[in-house]
């Protein structure tokens, strides 16, 4: 697995890691085997940057084709730029909240199983769920920020001609690049096991599959 544990952990992260290891030991005693599907933050950011160019071209090409009959304005001005930056900062927080709200709907203890943190080394906020989940709920929680903040605004922009929305949606799609990589890695894993649980890793991007 990709290992980011070399970075110093906060007290909260260490506590979550200790709990995670207790859960691993308990599940191992019950006969579960584990498979990690974590990814490195640097690797995720690198792949996202590589995907940014073709994705940006595709989204803007579709946007201009869908709105070619409109008189489009693609400039914000100073005030519009500040507004966009402000909305983006709020959206960064909303991204993690959406992860948490979605997973809380399926976690055993609800919102009590959800925690948030910030990796100072990578300037990256994160949300983690401290309860094993089934495949569907785990994937839904991982992709919900992409859907709500990225795909929906982008689709709306195609019908409204809002350059603000298409730019915002594109930025949020790219911001979910790590989430997409995690889900793709999870989906590529094939197993014949009948009992499968997906546990979000407490300190790294990705999680662990427990199966028997």
N, C-alpha and C. Protein backbone atom coordinates (compact mmCIF):
# COMPACT_ATOMS: atom_id res chain seq x y z
N UNK A 1 0.83 -1.20 0.00
CA UNK A 1 0.00 0.00 0.00
C UNK A 1 0.87 1.25 0.00
N UNK A 2 0.25 2.39 -0.40
CA UNK A 2 0.96 3.66 -0.30
C UNK A 2 0.99 4.05 1.16
N UNK A 3 2.11 4.44 1.65
CA UNK A 3 2.25 4.72 3.08
C UNK A 3 2.59 6.17 3.31
N UNK A 4 1.73 6.85 4.05
CA UNK A 4 1.99 8.24 4.40
C UNK A 4 2.23 8.39 5.90
N UNK A 5 2.42 7.28 6.58
CA UNK A 5 2.51 7.32 8.03
C UNK A 5 3.79 7.98 8.52
N UNK A 6 4.72 8.29 7.60
CA UNK A 6 5.96 8.94 8.01
C UNK A 6 5.70 10.36 8.51
N UNK A 7 4.62 10.98 8.06
CA UNK A 7 4.31 12.32 8.55
C UNK A 7 3.88 12.22 10.01
N UNK A 8 4.18 13.23 10.82
CA UNK A 8 3.77 13.20 12.23
C UNK A 8 2.25 13.24 12.35
N UNK A 9 1.70 12.39 13.19
CA UNK A 9 0.27 12.33 13.38
C UNK A 9 -0.16 13.24 14.52
N UNK A 10 -1.34 13.82 14.38
CA UNK A 10 -1.90 14.60 15.48
C UNK A 10 -2.40 13.64 16.55
N UNK A 11 -2.73 14.19 17.70
CA UNK A 11 -3.25 13.36 18.78
C UNK A 11 -4.53 12.67 18.37
N UNK A 12 -5.40 13.40 17.65
CA UNK A 12 -6.67 12.82 17.19
C UNK A 12 -6.42 11.69 16.19
N UNK A 13 -5.44 11.91 15.28
CA UNK A 13 -5.13 10.88 14.29
C UNK A 13 -4.57 9.63 14.95
N UNK A 14 -3.71 9.81 15.94
CA UNK A 14 -3.15 8.67 16.64
C UNK A 14 -4.23 7.90 17.37
N UNK A 15 -5.18 8.63 17.96
CA UNK A 15 -6.30 7.97 18.65
C UNK A 15 -7.13 7.16 17.66
N UNK A 16 -7.41 7.76 16.48
CA UNK A 16 -8.20 7.04 15.48
C UNK A 16 -7.43 5.84 14.94
N UNK A 17 -6.11 5.99 14.80
CA UNK A 17 -5.30 4.88 14.32
C UNK A 17 -5.29 3.73 15.31
N UNK A 18 -5.23 4.05 16.60
CA UNK A 18 -5.27 3.02 17.64
C UNK A 18 -6.61 2.27 17.60
N UNK A 19 -7.70 3.03 17.43
CA UNK A 19 -9.03 2.41 17.34
C UNK A 19 -9.12 1.52 16.10
N UNK A 20 -8.58 2.03 15.00
CA UNK A 20 -8.57 1.29 13.75
C UNK A 20 -7.83 -0.04 13.90
N UNK A 21 -6.69 -0.01 14.58
CA UNK A 21 -5.91 -1.23 14.78
C UNK A 21 -6.65 -2.21 15.68
N UNK A 22 -7.40 -1.71 16.65
CA UNK A 22 -8.22 -2.58 17.49
C UNK A 22 -9.31 -3.28 16.66
N UNK A 23 -9.93 -2.51 15.76
CA UNK A 23 -10.95 -3.08 14.88
C UNK A 23 -10.33 -4.14 13.96
N UNK A 24 -9.14 -3.85 13.44
CA UNK A 24 -8.45 -4.81 12.57
C UNK A 24 -8.20 -6.12 13.32
N UNK A 25 -7.72 -6.00 14.55
CA UNK A 25 -7.42 -7.20 15.34
C UNK A 25 -8.69 -7.99 15.62
N UNK A 26 -9.79 -7.27 15.91
CA UNK A 26 -11.06 -7.94 16.19
C UNK A 26 -11.57 -8.68 14.95
N UNK A 27 -11.50 -8.02 13.80
CA UNK A 27 -11.97 -8.64 12.57
C UNK A 27 -11.07 -9.80 12.16
N UNK A 28 -9.77 -9.65 12.38
CA UNK A 28 -8.84 -10.73 12.05
C UNK A 28 -9.15 -11.97 12.91
N UNK A 29 -9.48 -11.75 14.18
CA UNK A 29 -9.83 -12.85 15.07
C UNK A 29 -11.11 -13.55 14.63
N UNK A 30 -11.95 -12.82 13.91
CA UNK A 30 -13.21 -13.40 13.42
C UNK A 30 -13.04 -14.05 12.05
N UNK A 31 -11.81 -14.03 11.53
CA UNK A 31 -11.55 -14.72 10.28
C UNK A 31 -11.52 -13.84 9.04
N UNK A 32 -11.56 -12.53 9.22
CA UNK A 32 -11.52 -11.62 8.07
C UNK A 32 -10.07 -11.45 7.61
N UNK A 33 -9.87 -11.37 6.31
CA UNK A 33 -8.57 -10.98 5.78
C UNK A 33 -8.67 -9.55 5.27
N UNK A 34 -7.56 -8.84 5.23
CA UNK A 34 -7.59 -7.42 4.89
C UNK A 34 -6.80 -7.12 3.62
N UNK A 35 -7.26 -6.13 2.88
CA UNK A 35 -6.58 -5.64 1.69
C UNK A 35 -6.65 -4.13 1.69
N UNK A 36 -5.51 -3.45 1.66
CA UNK A 36 -5.50 -1.99 1.66
C UNK A 36 -5.73 -1.45 0.25
N UNK A 37 -6.49 -0.35 0.16
CA UNK A 37 -6.62 0.35 -1.12
C UNK A 37 -6.38 1.85 -0.90
N UNK A 38 -5.26 2.15 -0.25
CA UNK A 38 -4.89 3.54 0.00
C UNK A 38 -4.10 4.10 -1.18
N UNK A 39 -4.06 5.43 -1.28
CA UNK A 39 -3.27 6.10 -2.31
C UNK A 39 -2.47 7.22 -1.66
N UNK A 40 -1.37 7.60 -2.26
CA UNK A 40 -0.56 8.70 -1.76
C UNK A 40 -1.15 10.04 -2.18
N UNK A 41 -1.11 11.03 -1.31
CA UNK A 41 -1.63 12.36 -1.63
C UNK A 41 -0.88 12.96 -2.81
N UNK A 42 0.44 12.84 -2.82
CA UNK A 42 1.23 13.40 -3.91
C UNK A 42 0.88 12.71 -5.23
N UNK A 43 0.73 11.40 -5.19
CA UNK A 43 0.37 10.65 -6.39
C UNK A 43 -1.01 11.07 -6.89
N UNK A 44 -1.95 11.23 -5.98
CA UNK A 44 -3.30 11.64 -6.36
C UNK A 44 -3.29 13.02 -7.00
N UNK A 45 -2.53 13.94 -6.40
CA UNK A 45 -2.46 15.31 -6.94
C UNK A 45 -1.78 15.32 -8.31
N UNK A 46 -0.78 14.47 -8.48
CA UNK A 46 -0.08 14.41 -9.77
C UNK A 46 -1.01 13.91 -10.88
N UNK A 47 -1.75 12.84 -10.61
CA UNK A 47 -2.67 12.31 -11.61
C UNK A 47 -3.80 13.31 -11.91
N UNK A 48 -4.24 14.02 -10.87
CA UNK A 48 -5.29 15.01 -11.07
C UNK A 48 -4.80 16.13 -11.99
N UNK A 49 -3.56 16.58 -11.79
CA UNK A 49 -3.01 17.63 -12.64
C UNK A 49 -2.87 17.16 -14.09
N UNK A 50 -2.48 15.89 -14.26
CA UNK A 50 -2.36 15.34 -15.61
C UNK A 50 -3.72 15.25 -16.30
N UNK A 51 -4.75 14.95 -15.50
CA UNK A 51 -6.09 14.83 -16.08
C UNK A 51 -6.74 16.19 -16.30
N UNK A 52 -6.21 17.23 -15.66
CA UNK A 52 -6.84 18.55 -15.70
C UNK A 52 -6.91 19.12 -17.11
N UNK A 53 -5.84 18.96 -17.90
CA UNK A 53 -5.81 19.58 -19.23
C UNK A 53 -6.87 18.99 -20.15
N UNK A 54 -6.90 17.66 -20.38
CA UNK A 54 -7.94 17.13 -21.27
C UNK A 54 -9.35 17.33 -20.73
N UNK A 55 -9.51 17.24 -19.41
CA UNK A 55 -10.84 17.43 -18.83
C UNK A 55 -11.31 18.87 -19.01
N UNK A 56 -10.41 19.82 -18.78
CA UNK A 56 -10.76 21.24 -18.95
C UNK A 56 -11.16 21.53 -20.39
N UNK A 57 -10.39 21.00 -21.34
CA UNK A 57 -10.71 21.21 -22.76
C UNK A 57 -12.08 20.63 -23.09
N UNK A 58 -12.35 19.41 -22.60
CA UNK A 58 -13.62 18.74 -22.90
C UNK A 58 -14.80 19.50 -22.31
N UNK A 59 -14.68 19.93 -21.04
CA UNK A 59 -15.78 20.62 -20.38
C UNK A 59 -16.07 21.96 -21.04
N UNK A 60 -15.03 22.75 -21.31
CA UNK A 60 -15.25 24.06 -21.93
C UNK A 60 -15.74 23.94 -23.37
N UNK A 61 -15.26 22.95 -24.09
CA UNK A 61 -15.74 22.74 -25.46
C UNK A 61 -17.24 22.43 -25.45
N UNK A 62 -17.64 21.54 -24.54
CA UNK A 62 -19.06 21.20 -24.42
C UNK A 62 -19.88 22.40 -23.97
N UNK A 63 -19.31 23.19 -23.04
CA UNK A 63 -20.00 24.38 -22.54
C UNK A 63 -20.27 25.37 -23.66
N UNK A 64 -19.26 25.65 -24.48
CA UNK A 64 -19.43 26.62 -25.56
C UNK A 64 -20.32 26.08 -26.67
N UNK A 65 -20.29 24.78 -26.91
CA UNK A 65 -21.18 24.19 -27.90
C UNK A 65 -22.64 24.27 -27.45
N UNK A 66 -22.87 23.99 -26.17
CA UNK A 66 -24.24 24.03 -25.63
C UNK A 66 -24.79 25.45 -25.56
N UNK A 67 -23.89 26.44 -25.46
CA UNK A 67 -24.33 27.83 -25.27
C UNK A 67 -23.87 28.75 -26.40
N UNK A 68 -23.64 28.19 -27.57
CA UNK A 68 -23.14 28.99 -28.68
C UNK A 68 -24.13 30.04 -29.15
N UNK A 69 -25.41 29.86 -28.81
CA UNK A 69 -26.43 30.83 -29.23
C UNK A 69 -26.57 31.98 -28.23
N UNK A 70 -25.84 31.90 -27.11
CA UNK A 70 -25.94 32.94 -26.09
C UNK A 70 -24.80 33.95 -26.24
N UNK A 71 -25.03 35.13 -25.68
CA UNK A 71 -23.95 36.11 -25.60
C UNK A 71 -23.19 35.87 -24.31
N UNK A 72 -22.13 35.06 -24.36
CA UNK A 72 -21.43 34.64 -23.15
C UNK A 72 -20.42 35.68 -22.69
N UNK A 73 -20.33 35.83 -21.38
CA UNK A 73 -19.29 36.68 -20.77
C UNK A 73 -18.40 35.78 -19.93
N UNK A 74 -17.12 35.78 -20.24
CA UNK A 74 -16.21 34.88 -19.52
C UNK A 74 -15.24 35.65 -18.63
N UNK A 75 -15.60 36.85 -18.28
CA UNK A 75 -14.76 37.65 -17.37
C UNK A 75 -15.51 37.89 -16.07
N UNK A 76 -14.79 37.88 -14.97
CA UNK A 76 -15.37 38.08 -13.65
C UNK A 76 -15.19 39.52 -13.15
N UNK A 77 -14.03 40.09 -13.45
CA UNK A 77 -13.69 41.34 -12.81
C UNK A 77 -13.11 41.05 -11.44
N UNK A 78 -12.62 42.08 -10.77
CA UNK A 78 -11.99 41.90 -9.47
C UNK A 78 -12.97 41.38 -8.43
N UNK A 79 -14.17 41.98 -8.40
CA UNK A 79 -15.18 41.56 -7.43
C UNK A 79 -15.62 40.13 -7.67
N UNK A 80 -15.81 39.76 -8.94
CA UNK A 80 -16.22 38.41 -9.26
C UNK A 80 -15.16 37.39 -8.90
N UNK A 81 -13.89 37.77 -9.09
CA UNK A 81 -12.79 36.87 -8.74
C UNK A 81 -12.75 36.62 -7.24
N UNK A 82 -12.94 37.69 -6.46
CA UNK A 82 -12.97 37.53 -4.99
C UNK A 82 -14.14 36.66 -4.58
N UNK A 83 -15.29 36.87 -5.24
CA UNK A 83 -16.47 36.07 -4.92
C UNK A 83 -16.22 34.60 -5.22
N UNK A 84 -15.57 34.34 -6.35
CA UNK A 84 -15.28 32.95 -6.72
C UNK A 84 -14.35 32.31 -5.70
N UNK A 85 -13.31 33.03 -5.28
CA UNK A 85 -12.38 32.49 -4.30
C UNK A 85 -13.08 32.21 -2.97
N UNK A 86 -13.98 33.11 -2.60
CA UNK A 86 -14.73 32.91 -1.36
C UNK A 86 -15.63 31.68 -1.44
N UNK A 87 -16.33 31.53 -2.57
CA UNK A 87 -17.20 30.36 -2.76
C UNK A 87 -16.37 29.09 -2.78
N UNK A 88 -15.19 29.14 -3.39
CA UNK A 88 -14.32 27.96 -3.45
C UNK A 88 -13.90 27.53 -2.05
N UNK A 89 -13.51 28.48 -1.20
CA UNK A 89 -13.08 28.14 0.16
C UNK A 89 -14.22 27.50 0.94
N UNK A 90 -15.43 28.03 0.77
CA UNK A 90 -16.59 27.44 1.43
C UNK A 90 -16.83 26.03 0.89
N UNK A 91 -16.65 25.86 -0.43
CA UNK A 91 -16.88 24.56 -1.06
C UNK A 91 -15.88 23.51 -0.59
N UNK A 92 -14.65 23.93 -0.28
CA UNK A 92 -13.64 22.99 0.23
C UNK A 92 -14.13 22.38 1.54
N UNK A 93 -14.69 23.23 2.40
CA UNK A 93 -15.25 22.74 3.67
C UNK A 93 -16.49 21.88 3.40
N UNK A 94 -17.34 22.35 2.48
CA UNK A 94 -18.57 21.62 2.15
C UNK A 94 -18.25 20.24 1.59
N UNK A 95 -17.16 20.14 0.83
CA UNK A 95 -16.74 18.85 0.26
C UNK A 95 -16.58 17.80 1.36
N UNK A 96 -15.86 18.16 2.41
CA UNK A 96 -15.64 17.21 3.51
C UNK A 96 -16.92 16.96 4.29
N UNK A 97 -17.74 17.99 4.48
CA UNK A 97 -19.01 17.82 5.18
C UNK A 97 -19.93 16.86 4.44
N UNK A 98 -19.94 16.94 3.13
CA UNK A 98 -20.78 16.05 2.33
C UNK A 98 -20.33 14.60 2.47
N UNK A 99 -19.00 14.39 2.47
CA UNK A 99 -18.49 13.04 2.77
C UNK A 99 -19.09 12.56 4.10
N UNK A 100 -18.92 13.39 5.12
CA UNK A 100 -19.33 13.00 6.47
C UNK A 100 -20.82 12.77 6.60
N UNK A 101 -21.63 13.66 6.05
CA UNK A 101 -23.08 13.53 6.14
C UNK A 101 -23.55 12.24 5.46
N UNK A 102 -22.98 11.95 4.30
CA UNK A 102 -23.39 10.74 3.57
C UNK A 102 -23.00 9.48 4.32
N UNK A 103 -21.75 9.40 4.77
CA UNK A 103 -21.33 8.21 5.50
C UNK A 103 -22.07 8.07 6.82
N UNK A 104 -22.40 9.19 7.45
CA UNK A 104 -23.10 9.14 8.74
C UNK A 104 -24.48 8.49 8.59
N UNK A 105 -25.06 8.59 7.42
CA UNK A 105 -26.37 7.99 7.19
C UNK A 105 -26.31 6.46 7.25
N UNK A 106 -25.13 5.89 7.08
CA UNK A 106 -24.98 4.43 7.04
C UNK A 106 -24.12 3.88 8.17
N UNK A 107 -23.38 4.74 8.87
CA UNK A 107 -22.50 4.28 9.94
C UNK A 107 -23.30 3.83 11.15
N UNK A 108 -22.74 2.89 11.88
CA UNK A 108 -23.43 2.31 13.03
C UNK A 108 -23.84 3.36 14.06
N UNK A 109 -22.93 4.29 14.37
CA UNK A 109 -23.21 5.33 15.36
C UNK A 109 -23.55 6.67 14.74
N UNK A 110 -23.81 6.67 13.45
CA UNK A 110 -24.19 7.91 12.78
C UNK A 110 -23.07 8.94 12.80
N UNK A 111 -23.42 10.17 13.16
CA UNK A 111 -22.46 11.28 13.13
C UNK A 111 -21.30 11.07 14.09
N UNK A 112 -21.49 10.25 15.14
CA UNK A 112 -20.42 10.01 16.10
C UNK A 112 -19.25 9.24 15.47
N UNK A 113 -19.50 8.56 14.36
CA UNK A 113 -18.44 7.82 13.69
C UNK A 113 -17.67 8.67 12.68
N UNK A 114 -18.05 9.93 12.55
CA UNK A 114 -17.43 10.81 11.55
C UNK A 114 -16.48 11.79 12.23
N UNK A 115 -15.27 11.92 11.68
CA UNK A 115 -14.31 12.91 12.18
C UNK A 115 -13.65 13.62 11.01
N UNK A 116 -13.19 14.85 11.29
CA UNK A 116 -12.54 15.67 10.27
C UNK A 116 -11.14 16.03 10.75
N UNK A 117 -10.27 16.31 9.79
CA UNK A 117 -8.91 16.70 10.13
C UNK A 117 -8.27 17.48 9.01
N UNK A 118 -7.00 17.80 9.20
CA UNK A 118 -6.26 18.58 8.20
C UNK A 118 -4.82 18.09 8.19
N UNK A 119 -4.35 17.62 7.01
CA UNK A 119 -2.95 17.22 6.85
C UNK A 119 -2.13 18.46 6.52
N UNK A 120 -1.45 18.98 7.53
CA UNK A 120 -0.70 20.22 7.36
C UNK A 120 0.39 20.06 6.29
N UNK A 121 1.04 18.91 6.28
CA UNK A 121 2.13 18.67 5.34
C UNK A 121 1.67 18.81 3.89
N UNK A 122 0.42 18.39 3.62
CA UNK A 122 -0.10 18.43 2.26
C UNK A 122 -1.15 19.51 2.06
N UNK A 123 -1.39 20.32 3.10
CA UNK A 123 -2.42 21.37 3.06
C UNK A 123 -3.75 20.79 2.59
N UNK A 124 -4.11 19.63 3.15
CA UNK A 124 -5.27 18.89 2.68
C UNK A 124 -6.24 18.59 3.83
N UNK A 125 -7.47 19.09 3.76
CA UNK A 125 -8.49 18.70 4.74
C UNK A 125 -9.01 17.31 4.39
N UNK A 126 -9.57 16.62 5.38
CA UNK A 126 -10.10 15.29 5.09
C UNK A 126 -11.23 14.95 6.05
N UNK A 127 -12.00 13.95 5.66
CA UNK A 127 -13.06 13.39 6.49
C UNK A 127 -12.84 11.90 6.55
N UNK A 128 -13.08 11.29 7.69
CA UNK A 128 -12.92 9.85 7.82
C UNK A 128 -14.08 9.27 8.61
N UNK A 129 -14.44 8.03 8.28
CA UNK A 129 -15.52 7.33 8.96
C UNK A 129 -14.93 6.20 9.78
N UNK A 130 -15.24 6.16 11.06
CA UNK A 130 -14.66 5.17 11.96
C UNK A 130 -15.52 3.93 12.11
N UNK A 131 -16.30 3.60 11.08
CA UNK A 131 -17.13 2.40 11.11
C UNK A 131 -17.03 1.68 9.78
N UNK A 132 -16.99 0.36 9.79
CA UNK A 132 -16.99 -0.40 8.53
C UNK A 132 -18.32 -0.19 7.81
N UNK A 133 -18.26 -0.08 6.48
CA UNK A 133 -19.45 0.14 5.67
C UNK A 133 -19.52 -0.90 4.57
N UNK A 134 -20.71 -1.07 4.02
CA UNK A 134 -20.87 -1.90 2.83
C UNK A 134 -20.35 -1.13 1.62
N UNK A 135 -20.18 -1.83 0.51
CA UNK A 135 -19.56 -1.25 -0.68
C UNK A 135 -20.34 -0.05 -1.22
N UNK A 136 -21.65 -0.21 -1.38
CA UNK A 136 -22.47 0.86 -1.93
C UNK A 136 -22.40 2.15 -1.13
N UNK A 137 -22.67 2.10 0.18
CA UNK A 137 -22.58 3.30 1.00
C UNK A 137 -21.19 3.93 1.01
N UNK A 138 -20.13 3.09 1.01
CA UNK A 138 -18.78 3.65 1.02
C UNK A 138 -18.53 4.44 -0.26
N UNK A 139 -18.87 3.84 -1.40
CA UNK A 139 -18.65 4.52 -2.68
C UNK A 139 -19.50 5.76 -2.79
N UNK A 140 -20.76 5.68 -2.34
CA UNK A 140 -21.65 6.84 -2.40
C UNK A 140 -21.07 8.00 -1.60
N UNK A 141 -20.58 7.72 -0.40
CA UNK A 141 -20.00 8.76 0.43
C UNK A 141 -18.74 9.35 -0.19
N UNK A 142 -17.96 8.49 -0.85
CA UNK A 142 -16.72 8.96 -1.48
C UNK A 142 -17.01 9.87 -2.67
N UNK A 143 -18.07 9.58 -3.42
CA UNK A 143 -18.34 10.32 -4.66
C UNK A 143 -19.38 11.43 -4.52
N UNK A 144 -20.07 11.51 -3.40
CA UNK A 144 -21.13 12.50 -3.27
C UNK A 144 -20.65 13.95 -3.45
N UNK A 145 -19.47 14.36 -2.92
CA UNK A 145 -19.01 15.73 -3.19
C UNK A 145 -18.79 15.99 -4.68
N UNK A 146 -18.28 15.00 -5.39
CA UNK A 146 -18.10 15.12 -6.84
C UNK A 146 -19.44 15.38 -7.52
N UNK A 147 -20.46 14.65 -7.10
CA UNK A 147 -21.78 14.78 -7.71
C UNK A 147 -22.41 16.13 -7.38
N UNK A 148 -22.44 16.47 -6.08
CA UNK A 148 -23.15 17.67 -5.63
C UNK A 148 -22.43 18.96 -6.03
N UNK A 149 -21.11 18.99 -5.82
CA UNK A 149 -20.36 20.23 -6.04
C UNK A 149 -19.74 20.32 -7.43
N UNK A 150 -19.52 19.16 -8.07
CA UNK A 150 -18.86 19.17 -9.36
C UNK A 150 -19.79 18.94 -10.54
N UNK A 151 -20.40 17.77 -10.58
CA UNK A 151 -21.19 17.39 -11.76
C UNK A 151 -22.48 18.20 -11.90
N UNK A 152 -23.20 18.38 -10.81
CA UNK A 152 -24.49 19.11 -10.90
C UNK A 152 -24.29 20.55 -11.36
N UNK A 153 -23.38 21.34 -10.75
CA UNK A 153 -23.17 22.70 -11.26
C UNK A 153 -22.71 22.73 -12.72
N UNK A 154 -21.87 21.76 -13.10
CA UNK A 154 -21.39 21.72 -14.49
C UNK A 154 -22.54 21.46 -15.45
N UNK A 155 -23.41 20.52 -15.12
CA UNK A 155 -24.57 20.23 -15.97
C UNK A 155 -25.49 21.44 -16.06
N UNK A 156 -25.74 22.10 -14.92
CA UNK A 156 -26.61 23.28 -14.93
C UNK A 156 -26.03 24.37 -15.81
N UNK A 157 -24.71 24.52 -15.78
CA UNK A 157 -24.07 25.56 -16.60
C UNK A 157 -24.28 25.34 -18.09
N UNK A 158 -24.41 24.08 -18.49
CA UNK A 158 -24.62 23.78 -19.90
C UNK A 158 -25.97 24.32 -20.39
N UNK A 159 -26.93 24.44 -19.47
CA UNK A 159 -28.27 24.90 -19.84
C UNK A 159 -28.49 26.38 -19.54
N UNK A 160 -27.64 26.96 -18.69
CA UNK A 160 -27.83 28.36 -18.29
C UNK A 160 -26.80 29.30 -18.90
N UNK A 161 -25.68 28.75 -19.37
CA UNK A 161 -24.63 29.60 -19.92
C UNK A 161 -23.84 30.34 -18.86
N UNK A 162 -23.89 29.85 -17.60
CA UNK A 162 -23.18 30.51 -16.50
C UNK A 162 -21.71 30.08 -16.51
N UNK A 163 -20.83 31.02 -16.84
CA UNK A 163 -19.40 30.71 -16.83
C UNK A 163 -18.92 30.48 -15.39
N UNK A 164 -19.52 31.20 -14.46
CA UNK A 164 -19.18 31.03 -13.04
C UNK A 164 -19.43 29.58 -12.63
N UNK A 165 -20.59 29.04 -13.01
CA UNK A 165 -20.94 27.67 -12.61
C UNK A 165 -20.05 26.63 -13.28
N UNK A 166 -19.76 26.81 -14.58
CA UNK A 166 -18.95 25.81 -15.26
C UNK A 166 -17.52 25.81 -14.71
N UNK A 167 -17.00 26.98 -14.38
CA UNK A 167 -15.66 27.05 -13.80
C UNK A 167 -15.65 26.45 -12.40
N UNK A 168 -16.67 26.79 -11.61
CA UNK A 168 -16.77 26.24 -10.26
C UNK A 168 -16.91 24.72 -10.31
N UNK A 169 -17.81 24.23 -11.18
CA UNK A 169 -18.02 22.79 -11.29
C UNK A 169 -16.75 22.07 -11.71
N UNK A 170 -16.03 22.64 -12.66
CA UNK A 170 -14.79 22.03 -13.12
C UNK A 170 -13.76 21.95 -12.01
N UNK A 171 -13.60 23.03 -11.27
CA UNK A 171 -12.63 23.05 -10.16
C UNK A 171 -12.99 22.00 -9.11
N UNK A 172 -14.29 21.86 -8.83
CA UNK A 172 -14.71 20.89 -7.83
C UNK A 172 -14.60 19.45 -8.34
N UNK A 173 -14.76 19.25 -9.64
CA UNK A 173 -14.53 17.92 -10.21
C UNK A 173 -13.06 17.54 -10.03
N UNK A 174 -12.17 18.48 -10.34
CA UNK A 174 -10.74 18.23 -10.17
C UNK A 174 -10.38 18.04 -8.70
N UNK A 175 -11.07 18.75 -7.82
CA UNK A 175 -10.81 18.62 -6.38
C UNK A 175 -11.18 17.24 -5.86
N UNK A 176 -12.06 16.56 -6.59
CA UNK A 176 -12.48 15.21 -6.19
C UNK A 176 -11.64 14.13 -6.87
N UNK A 177 -10.54 14.53 -7.49
CA UNK A 177 -9.70 13.56 -8.19
C UNK A 177 -9.22 12.41 -7.32
N UNK A 178 -8.82 12.72 -6.09
CA UNK A 178 -8.38 11.67 -5.17
C UNK A 178 -9.50 10.71 -4.83
N UNK A 179 -10.71 11.24 -4.64
CA UNK A 179 -11.87 10.39 -4.35
C UNK A 179 -12.14 9.42 -5.50
N UNK A 180 -12.05 9.94 -6.72
CA UNK A 180 -12.28 9.11 -7.90
C UNK A 180 -11.23 8.00 -7.99
N UNK A 181 -9.97 8.35 -7.72
CA UNK A 181 -8.91 7.35 -7.76
C UNK A 181 -9.14 6.24 -6.74
N UNK A 182 -9.59 6.62 -5.55
CA UNK A 182 -9.86 5.63 -4.50
C UNK A 182 -10.97 4.69 -4.94
N UNK A 183 -12.04 5.25 -5.49
CA UNK A 183 -13.17 4.41 -5.93
C UNK A 183 -12.76 3.49 -7.06
N UNK A 184 -11.99 4.00 -8.02
CA UNK A 184 -11.53 3.16 -9.13
C UNK A 184 -10.65 2.02 -8.62
N UNK A 185 -9.80 2.33 -7.66
CA UNK A 185 -8.94 1.29 -7.08
C UNK A 185 -9.79 0.24 -6.36
N UNK A 186 -10.83 0.69 -5.68
CA UNK A 186 -11.72 -0.22 -4.99
C UNK A 186 -12.48 -1.10 -5.99
N UNK A 187 -12.98 -0.50 -7.07
CA UNK A 187 -13.76 -1.24 -8.06
C UNK A 187 -12.92 -2.26 -8.82
N UNK A 188 -11.63 -1.98 -8.96
CA UNK A 188 -10.75 -2.92 -9.67
C UNK A 188 -10.47 -4.17 -8.84
N UNK A 189 -10.74 -4.10 -7.54
CA UNK A 189 -10.49 -5.24 -6.67
C UNK A 189 -11.60 -6.28 -6.84
N UNK A 190 -11.25 -7.49 -7.21
CA UNK A 190 -12.22 -8.55 -7.43
C UNK A 190 -12.13 -9.59 -6.32
N UNK A 191 -13.27 -10.04 -5.86
CA UNK A 191 -13.30 -11.03 -4.79
C UNK A 191 -14.58 -11.86 -4.90
N UNK A 192 -14.49 -13.10 -4.42
CA UNK A 192 -15.65 -13.98 -4.37
C UNK A 192 -16.22 -14.09 -2.96
N UNK A 193 -15.69 -13.30 -2.04
CA UNK A 193 -16.15 -13.35 -0.65
C UNK A 193 -17.61 -12.91 -0.54
N UNK A 194 -18.30 -13.48 0.42
CA UNK A 194 -19.72 -13.14 0.64
C UNK A 194 -19.89 -12.01 1.65
N UNK A 195 -18.98 -11.94 2.60
CA UNK A 195 -19.06 -10.93 3.66
C UNK A 195 -17.91 -9.94 3.47
N UNK A 196 -18.22 -8.73 3.04
CA UNK A 196 -17.19 -7.73 2.73
C UNK A 196 -17.52 -6.42 3.43
N UNK A 197 -16.53 -5.84 4.09
CA UNK A 197 -16.68 -4.55 4.75
C UNK A 197 -15.60 -3.59 4.23
N UNK A 198 -15.95 -2.31 4.16
CA UNK A 198 -15.02 -1.29 3.68
C UNK A 198 -14.81 -0.27 4.79
N UNK A 199 -13.57 -0.16 5.22
CA UNK A 199 -13.24 0.70 6.36
C UNK A 199 -12.35 1.84 5.88
N UNK A 200 -12.79 3.07 6.09
CA UNK A 200 -12.01 4.23 5.70
C UNK A 200 -10.77 4.32 6.59
N UNK A 201 -9.60 4.52 5.96
CA UNK A 201 -8.37 4.59 6.75
C UNK A 201 -8.36 5.87 7.59
N UNK A 202 -7.97 5.80 8.86
CA UNK A 202 -8.05 6.97 9.76
C UNK A 202 -7.02 8.06 9.49
N UNK A 203 -5.92 7.74 8.78
CA UNK A 203 -4.86 8.74 8.59
C UNK A 203 -4.40 8.86 7.14
N UNK A 204 -4.85 7.99 6.26
CA UNK A 204 -4.42 8.01 4.88
C UNK A 204 -5.61 8.12 3.94
N UNK A 205 -5.35 8.48 2.68
CA UNK A 205 -6.41 8.54 1.69
C UNK A 205 -6.70 7.13 1.20
N UNK A 206 -7.95 6.72 1.35
CA UNK A 206 -8.33 5.36 0.96
C UNK A 206 -8.81 4.57 2.15
N UNK A 207 -8.74 3.27 2.06
CA UNK A 207 -9.26 2.47 3.15
C UNK A 207 -8.76 1.03 3.09
N UNK A 208 -9.51 0.15 3.77
CA UNK A 208 -9.15 -1.25 3.86
C UNK A 208 -10.40 -2.09 3.60
N UNK A 209 -10.23 -3.15 2.81
CA UNK A 209 -11.31 -4.10 2.57
C UNK A 209 -11.11 -5.28 3.51
N UNK A 210 -12.15 -5.59 4.29
CA UNK A 210 -12.14 -6.77 5.14
C UNK A 210 -13.14 -7.78 4.57
N UNK A 211 -12.69 -9.01 4.39
CA UNK A 211 -13.58 -9.99 3.75
C UNK A 211 -13.36 -11.38 4.33
N UNK A 212 -14.43 -12.18 4.24
CA UNK A 212 -14.32 -13.59 4.63
C UNK A 212 -15.38 -14.39 3.87
